[in-house]
Protein backbone atom coordinates (compact mmCIF):
# COMPACT_ATOMS: atom_id res chain seq x y z
CA MET A 1 -36.64 -10.39 9.08
CA ALA A 2 -37.76 -7.25 7.25
CA ALA A 3 -37.35 -7.18 3.50
CA ARG A 4 -34.49 -5.10 2.26
CA GLU A 5 -35.37 -1.75 0.82
CA PHE A 6 -33.37 -2.26 -2.36
CA GLU A 7 -34.72 0.90 -4.04
CA LEU A 8 -33.65 3.12 -1.15
CA GLU A 9 -30.22 1.56 -1.00
CA ILE A 10 -29.79 2.02 -4.77
CA LYS A 11 -30.97 5.62 -4.56
CA ASN A 12 -28.40 6.46 -1.83
CA LEU A 13 -25.63 4.77 -3.66
CA ASP A 14 -26.46 6.71 -6.84
CA VAL A 15 -26.17 9.94 -4.95
CA THR A 16 -22.85 8.92 -3.47
CA LEU A 17 -21.40 7.70 -6.85
CA ALA A 18 -22.67 10.88 -8.53
CA ALA A 19 -20.72 12.88 -5.95
CA ILE A 20 -17.64 10.85 -6.47
CA GLU A 21 -17.85 11.37 -10.24
CA GLN A 22 -18.09 15.13 -9.67
CA VAL A 23 -15.09 15.13 -7.30
CA LEU A 24 -12.96 13.07 -9.80
CA ASN A 25 -14.25 15.30 -12.60
CA LEU A 26 -14.86 12.39 -14.98
CA PRO A 27 -15.33 14.58 -18.13
CA LYS A 28 -11.91 16.13 -17.57
CA LEU A 29 -10.35 12.69 -16.99
CA MET A 30 -11.88 11.50 -20.34
CA LYS A 31 -10.56 14.61 -22.08
CA ASP A 32 -7.12 14.03 -20.45
CA ALA A 33 -7.14 10.34 -21.58
CA VAL A 34 -7.79 11.42 -25.27
CA GLU A 35 -4.93 14.00 -25.11
CA LEU A 36 -2.52 11.59 -23.44
CA GLU A 37 -3.32 8.79 -25.96
CA ALA A 38 -2.41 11.21 -28.73
CA GLU A 39 0.88 12.04 -26.94
CA ALA A 40 1.64 8.42 -26.28
CA SER A 41 1.15 7.41 -29.89
CA ALA A 42 3.53 10.16 -31.23
CA PRO A 43 6.40 8.42 -33.20
CA ASP A 44 9.00 10.56 -31.52
CA LEU A 45 7.73 9.96 -27.96
CA TRP A 46 10.64 7.92 -26.76
CA ASP A 47 13.22 10.41 -28.10
CA ASP A 48 12.74 12.01 -24.70
CA PRO A 49 12.56 9.01 -22.22
CA GLU A 50 11.87 11.25 -19.28
CA LYS A 51 8.79 12.85 -20.95
CA ALA A 52 7.67 9.43 -22.27
CA GLN A 53 7.79 7.96 -18.73
CA VAL A 54 5.55 10.73 -17.40
CA VAL A 55 3.11 10.48 -20.31
CA THR A 56 2.67 6.73 -20.31
CA SER A 57 2.48 6.57 -16.47
CA ARG A 58 -0.18 9.36 -16.36
CA LEU A 59 -2.17 7.75 -19.18
CA SER A 60 -2.14 4.39 -17.38
CA ARG A 61 -3.45 5.91 -14.12
CA VAL A 62 -6.18 7.97 -15.80
CA GLN A 63 -7.40 4.97 -17.73
CA VAL A 64 -7.49 2.87 -14.59
CA VAL A 65 -9.66 5.48 -12.81
CA ILE A 66 -12.04 5.91 -15.76
CA THR A 67 -12.42 2.10 -16.18
CA ARG A 68 -13.03 1.66 -12.45
CA VAL A 69 -15.70 4.41 -12.16
CA SER A 70 -17.45 3.34 -15.40
CA THR A 71 -17.53 -0.31 -14.29
CA ILE A 72 -19.02 0.57 -10.98
CA ARG A 73 -21.57 2.81 -12.65
CA ARG A 74 -22.59 0.14 -15.10
CA ARG A 75 -22.97 -2.41 -12.24
CA LEU A 76 -25.02 -0.03 -10.15
CA ASP A 77 -27.31 0.66 -13.12
CA ASP A 78 -27.69 -3.15 -13.74
CA VAL A 79 -28.78 -4.00 -10.14
CA PRO A 80 -32.38 -2.66 -10.48
CA ILE A 81 -32.88 -4.75 -13.64
CA LEU A 82 -31.63 -7.86 -11.82
CA ILE A 83 -34.00 -7.27 -8.93
CA GLU A 84 -36.96 -6.55 -11.23
CA LEU A 85 -36.39 -9.77 -13.25
CA ALA A 86 -36.02 -11.83 -10.05
CA ARG A 87 -39.24 -10.43 -8.61
CA GLU A 88 -41.17 -10.93 -11.87
CA GLU A 89 -40.15 -14.59 -12.06
CA GLY A 90 -40.54 -15.13 -8.31
CA ASP A 91 -36.95 -16.47 -8.24
CA GLU A 92 -35.77 -16.22 -4.59
CA LYS A 93 -32.25 -17.39 -5.41
CA ALA A 94 -31.91 -14.77 -8.17
CA LEU A 95 -33.15 -12.12 -5.75
CA ILE A 96 -30.47 -13.21 -3.17
CA ASP A 97 -27.86 -13.06 -5.96
CA ALA A 98 -28.96 -9.52 -6.83
CA GLY A 99 -28.70 -8.51 -3.17
CA GLN A 100 -25.10 -9.87 -3.07
CA GLU A 101 -24.31 -7.94 -6.28
CA LEU A 102 -25.68 -4.80 -4.48
CA ASP A 103 -23.49 -5.53 -1.42
CA ASP A 104 -20.37 -5.86 -3.70
CA VAL A 105 -21.20 -2.65 -5.51
CA THR A 106 -21.73 -0.87 -2.21
CA LYS A 107 -18.20 -1.94 -1.11
CA SER A 108 -16.71 -0.90 -4.39
CA ILE A 109 -18.27 2.59 -4.05
CA ARG A 110 -17.09 2.79 -0.45
CA ASP A 111 -13.53 1.97 -1.50
CA LEU A 112 -13.71 4.48 -4.38
CA GLU A 113 -15.04 7.18 -2.01
CA VAL A 114 -11.96 6.61 0.29
CA GLN A 115 -9.69 6.93 -2.69
CA THR A 116 -11.03 10.42 -3.53
CA LEU A 117 -9.42 11.47 -0.26
CA LEU A 118 -5.97 10.69 -1.62
CA SER A 119 -4.83 13.94 -3.17
CA GLY A 120 -1.28 14.15 -1.90
CA GLU A 121 1.57 14.96 -4.37
CA TYR A 122 2.72 11.29 -4.50
CA ASP A 123 -0.41 9.45 -3.57
CA GLU A 124 -1.07 8.11 -7.14
CA ARG A 125 2.33 6.30 -7.24
CA ASP A 126 3.44 2.74 -6.57
CA ALA A 127 4.72 2.14 -3.03
CA LEU A 128 7.95 0.68 -1.64
CA VAL A 129 7.24 -0.96 1.77
CA THR A 130 10.08 -1.81 4.18
CA ILE A 131 9.50 -3.86 7.37
CA ARG A 132 12.19 -4.17 10.06
CA SER A 133 12.32 -6.10 13.29
CA GLU A 134 12.92 -3.74 16.25
CA ALA A 135 13.00 -4.39 19.98
CA GLY A 136 12.27 -7.96 21.03
CA GLY A 137 14.98 -10.26 19.61
CA VAL A 138 13.77 -13.41 18.02
CA GLU A 139 10.16 -12.45 18.91
CA ALA A 140 10.56 -9.25 16.89
CA ALA A 141 12.03 -11.07 13.90
CA ASP A 142 9.10 -13.48 13.96
CA TRP A 143 6.72 -10.55 14.34
CA ALA A 144 8.25 -8.78 11.30
CA GLU A 145 7.70 -11.82 9.14
CA MET A 146 4.12 -12.05 10.36
CA LEU A 147 3.60 -8.36 9.34
CA MET A 148 5.23 -9.16 5.98
CA ARG A 149 2.72 -11.97 5.40
CA MET A 150 -0.19 -9.68 6.50
CA TYR A 151 0.64 -7.04 3.85
CA LEU A 152 1.27 -9.68 1.18
CA ARG A 153 -2.09 -11.31 1.93
CA TYR A 154 -3.75 -7.85 1.73
CA CYS A 155 -2.27 -7.15 -1.64
CA GLU A 156 -3.24 -10.71 -2.78
CA ARG A 157 -6.82 -10.08 -1.70
CA HIS A 158 -6.97 -6.90 -3.78
CA HIS A 159 -4.94 -8.36 -6.76
CA PHE A 160 -2.16 -5.80 -6.35
CA LYS A 161 1.12 -6.64 -8.07
CA VAL A 162 3.96 -7.17 -5.59
CA ASP A 163 7.70 -7.59 -6.24
CA VAL A 164 9.78 -8.65 -3.19
CA LEU A 165 13.15 -6.90 -3.75
CA GLU A 166 15.07 -8.11 -0.72
CA THR A 167 14.58 -10.15 2.40
CA SER A 168 17.16 -10.60 5.24
CA TYR A 169 16.37 -13.66 7.31
CA ALA A 170 17.17 -13.88 11.04
CA GLU A 171 19.18 -16.75 12.31
CA GLU A 172 16.63 -18.46 14.58
CA ALA A 173 13.30 -17.46 13.06
CA GLY A 174 11.59 -14.62 11.13
CA ILE A 175 13.27 -11.82 9.30
CA LYS A 176 15.47 -8.82 10.06
CA SER A 177 13.93 -6.82 7.25
CA THR A 178 12.27 -6.97 3.91
CA THR A 179 11.52 -4.53 1.11
CA PHE A 180 8.78 -5.01 -1.53
CA ARG A 181 7.24 -2.91 -4.23
CA VAL A 182 3.46 -2.69 -4.54
CA SER A 183 2.23 -1.72 -7.98
CA THR A 184 -1.25 -0.37 -8.41
CA PRO A 185 -2.83 3.13 -8.78
CA TYR A 186 -2.70 5.03 -5.42
CA ALA A 187 -0.62 2.28 -3.76
CA TYR A 188 1.47 4.90 -1.88
CA GLY A 189 -1.50 7.00 -0.78
CA THR A 190 -3.26 3.83 0.47
CA LEU A 191 -0.34 2.19 2.31
CA SER A 192 1.35 5.27 3.60
CA VAL A 193 -1.07 5.29 6.52
CA GLU A 194 0.49 1.97 7.66
CA GLN A 195 3.90 3.64 8.37
CA GLY A 196 5.03 3.53 11.98
CA THR A 197 5.74 1.05 14.78
CA HIS A 198 3.53 -1.97 15.18
CA ARG A 199 3.43 -3.64 18.64
CA LEU A 200 2.65 -7.30 19.32
CA VAL A 201 1.69 -8.84 22.69
CA ARG A 202 1.34 -12.58 22.81
CA ILE A 203 2.40 -15.71 24.62
CA SER A 204 5.81 -16.37 23.13
CA PRO A 205 6.15 -19.70 21.15
CA PHE A 206 9.88 -19.24 21.76
CA ASP A 207 9.59 -19.11 25.53
CA SER A 208 9.73 -22.55 27.29
CA GLN A 209 7.79 -21.05 30.28
CA SER A 210 4.98 -19.71 27.95
CA ARG A 211 5.34 -16.18 29.21
CA ARG A 212 3.76 -13.13 27.58
CA HIS A 213 6.14 -11.06 25.51
CA THR A 214 5.97 -7.63 23.76
CA SER A 215 7.83 -7.08 20.52
CA PHE A 216 8.05 -4.34 17.93
CA ALA A 217 8.45 -4.01 14.14
CA GLY A 218 8.78 -0.86 12.00
CA VAL A 219 7.00 -0.24 8.76
CA GLU A 220 8.26 2.35 6.34
CA VAL A 221 6.38 3.32 3.15
CA VAL A 222 7.82 5.58 0.43
CA PRO A 223 6.58 6.48 -3.04
CA VAL A 224 8.43 4.99 -6.04
CA VAL A 225 10.68 7.52 -7.69
CA GLU A 226 9.94 8.61 -11.26
CA GLN A 227 12.40 9.85 -13.81
CA SER A 228 10.94 13.38 -13.52
CA ASP A 229 11.87 13.57 -9.81
CA HIS A 230 15.58 14.46 -10.52
CA ILE A 231 17.19 12.73 -7.54
CA ASP A 232 20.75 12.83 -8.57
CA ILE A 233 23.20 10.54 -6.76
CA ASP A 234 26.93 10.91 -7.18
CA GLU A 235 28.86 7.60 -7.33
CA LYS A 236 31.24 9.14 -4.80
CA GLU A 237 28.36 9.50 -2.39
CA ILE A 238 27.64 5.77 -2.23
CA ARG A 239 29.33 2.45 -1.31
CA VAL A 240 28.31 -0.65 -3.29
CA ASP A 241 28.91 -4.10 -1.80
CA VAL A 242 28.08 -7.36 -3.53
CA TYR A 243 27.34 -10.63 -1.91
CA ARG A 244 25.73 -13.99 -2.50
CA SER A 245 21.96 -14.20 -2.28
CA SER A 246 20.60 -16.45 0.42
CA GLY A 247 17.30 -17.81 1.62
CA PRO A 248 15.94 -18.97 4.95
CA GLY A 249 18.47 -20.89 7.06
CA GLY A 250 21.34 -19.56 4.90
CA GLN A 251 20.56 -21.82 1.96
CA GLY A 252 22.13 -20.42 -1.15
CA VAL A 253 19.65 -19.42 -3.90
CA ASN A 254 22.43 -18.14 -6.10
CA THR A 255 25.94 -19.36 -6.71
CA THR A 256 27.42 -16.00 -7.79
CA ASP A 257 27.81 -12.67 -5.96
CA SER A 258 24.82 -11.07 -7.62
CA ALA A 259 23.10 -9.48 -4.55
CA VAL A 260 23.89 -5.78 -4.16
CA ARG A 261 23.86 -3.55 -1.08
CA ILE A 262 24.17 0.23 -1.50
CA THR A 263 24.99 2.61 1.37
CA HIS A 264 24.32 6.28 0.92
CA LEU A 265 27.23 7.77 2.94
CA ALA A 266 25.71 11.19 3.66
CA SER A 267 22.39 9.90 4.98
CA GLY A 268 23.31 6.41 6.20
CA ILE A 269 20.52 4.90 4.23
CA VAL A 270 21.20 1.29 3.18
CA VAL A 271 19.25 -0.56 0.54
CA SER A 272 19.64 -4.09 -0.85
CA CYS A 273 18.30 -6.13 -3.76
CA GLN A 274 18.72 -9.80 -4.44
CA ASN A 275 15.66 -10.74 -6.53
CA GLU A 276 17.39 -10.47 -9.94
CA ARG A 277 19.88 -13.00 -11.32
CA SER A 278 22.14 -10.22 -12.69
CA GLN A 279 24.33 -8.06 -10.46
CA ILE A 280 23.68 -5.14 -12.89
CA GLN A 281 19.94 -5.52 -12.65
CA ASN A 282 20.10 -5.79 -8.79
CA LYS A 283 22.17 -2.60 -8.67
CA ALA A 284 19.73 -0.74 -10.94
CA THR A 285 16.84 -1.86 -8.76
CA ALA A 286 18.68 -0.93 -5.52
CA MET A 287 19.48 2.51 -6.94
CA ALA A 288 15.83 3.05 -7.73
CA VAL A 289 14.94 2.16 -4.15
CA LEU A 290 17.63 4.51 -2.81
CA GLN A 291 16.27 7.33 -4.99
CA SER A 292 12.77 6.72 -3.61
CA LYS A 293 14.01 6.88 0.02
CA LEU A 294 16.00 10.00 -0.62
CA LEU A 295 12.88 11.54 -2.27
CA GLU A 296 10.79 10.72 0.75
CA ARG A 297 13.52 12.12 3.04
CA ARG A 298 13.44 15.30 1.04
CA ARG A 299 9.63 15.48 1.22
CA GLN A 300 9.73 14.92 5.01
CA GLU A 301 12.36 17.64 5.51
CA GLU A 302 10.20 20.08 3.51
CA ARG A 303 7.20 19.14 5.57
CA ALA A 304 9.11 19.57 8.77
CA ARG A 305 10.14 23.10 7.73
CA ILE A 306 6.45 23.88 6.98
CA ASP A 307 5.29 22.42 10.30
CA ALA A 308 7.92 24.42 12.12
CA LEU A 309 6.65 27.63 10.56
CA LYS A 310 3.07 26.64 11.51
CA GLY A 311 4.02 25.63 14.93
CA ASP A 312 2.83 22.06 14.38
CA ASN A 313 3.49 19.96 17.43
CA SER A 314 1.74 16.88 16.39
CA GLY A 315 3.39 13.45 17.10
CA SER A 316 5.51 11.59 14.55
CA TRP A 317 4.01 8.65 12.68
CA GLY A 318 7.27 6.85 13.59
CA ASN A 319 5.79 6.45 17.15
CA GLN A 320 3.68 3.32 18.06
CA MET A 321 0.63 3.42 15.84
CA ARG A 322 -1.07 0.06 16.24
CA SER A 323 -1.21 -2.64 18.97
CA TYR A 324 -1.91 -6.35 18.18
CA VAL A 325 -2.88 -8.20 21.40
CA LEU A 326 -3.16 -11.97 21.22
CA ALA A 327 -3.07 -12.60 24.96
CA PRO A 328 -4.62 -12.25 27.52
CA TYR A 329 -7.41 -11.04 25.17
CA GLN A 330 -7.83 -10.68 21.42
CA MET A 331 -7.76 -7.18 19.98
CA VAL A 332 -6.11 -5.04 17.30
CA LYS A 333 -6.35 -1.30 17.90
CA ASP A 334 -5.03 1.71 16.01
CA LEU A 335 -3.64 4.26 18.44
CA ARG A 336 -4.18 7.20 16.05
CA THR A 337 -7.74 6.59 14.90
CA ASP A 338 -9.09 4.37 17.75
CA PHE A 339 -10.36 1.92 15.14
CA GLU A 340 -10.21 -1.60 16.63
CA VAL A 341 -11.36 -5.14 15.93
CA GLY A 342 -11.54 -8.23 18.06
CA ASN A 343 -10.31 -10.65 15.36
CA PRO A 344 -6.45 -10.51 15.18
CA ALA A 345 -6.36 -13.71 13.13
CA GLY A 346 -8.35 -12.12 10.34
CA VAL A 347 -6.22 -8.95 10.50
CA LEU A 348 -3.01 -10.93 10.33
CA ASP A 349 -4.46 -12.74 7.34
CA GLY A 350 -4.66 -9.48 5.46
CA ASP A 351 -8.10 -8.08 6.42
CA ILE A 352 -6.82 -4.50 7.15
CA ASP A 353 -9.17 -2.48 4.94
CA GLY A 354 -10.96 -1.02 7.96
CA PHE A 355 -7.66 0.22 9.39
CA ILE A 356 -6.51 1.72 6.15
CA GLU A 357 -9.82 3.45 5.54
CA ALA A 358 -9.77 4.89 9.05
CA GLY A 359 -6.17 5.93 8.61
CA ILE A 360 -6.84 7.78 5.28
CA LYS A 361 -9.71 9.65 6.87
CA TRP A 362 -7.53 10.42 9.88
CA ARG A 363 -4.74 11.71 7.67
CA LYS A 364 -7.21 13.89 5.75
CA ARG A 365 -8.45 15.45 8.94
CA SER A 366 -4.92 16.00 10.22
CA GLU A 367 -3.96 17.81 7.09
CA GLY A 368 -7.01 19.91 7.70
């Protein structure tokens, strides 16, 4: 096997990282961080909670980006030193370790490069992900739960904070729906490309004759609403129902009617929350979810008007966007990007980075 050309790899990565730093405008980010830190330390900041929310949220995001880029730059600068020391000492294991560090830095730079494509109005925000079982009966409910696990494993792999707000379990197996919040910079921009209908083909474990079944589940991704978005909801426009929280199989996880379901009468949007012990807390969380969904609806309506003016006839993301085939062959294929892999087990265990990267690049091209 030919020896790795470490110097060439490092040179190419240095060029890529320098381009990323230029796109992100690192000097401006650092200047912004200083100004935001000054604003955040003002004694009267919280006299205006709305402004305080904007300032602290923006500061947190800027600091995360600066830290991430600076860390990657430091690691890339350290790799040549590790390689040189390993070669001088003739330490093969140390050279292998340096090569692994270079591989890790390469992946980090590639991930950062993809993130620079996320420039949408809400891309920086946290995301609310809702998964619903669709056509396919008990198969679809089981499929929805498999998708839920896939996304939770993906978030776990990347150390993203996740809060499951509500899960409605199906009677026989699986779930009817679930909603969870993913908290990390650019969560919405990253996960928004997963929105659409996901199709599963497999030999059904629920069919005594072991026949092949097709089932569907829908994934909805919306940005988390911020106080500055001004989504006002009149109490007359909603219906609030309270009920007892429950877990799989109907087991009670709470002995009081603390779970809350809110129906927005004008739009028909229904949201629920049962993860808090207090009915008041659950209602507040459910209202925040409703605001996020109304914000996304408003954004989509504005986009539809623009597309109509442009004569945009592109298909909706709500159509089938990915197929997962477990039988008679093994394959997962994205129908928008044509990205595919032959390892469904890995994908369903959360290895969806390739699909997300391809989706982000596809979205950028579509926005033209």
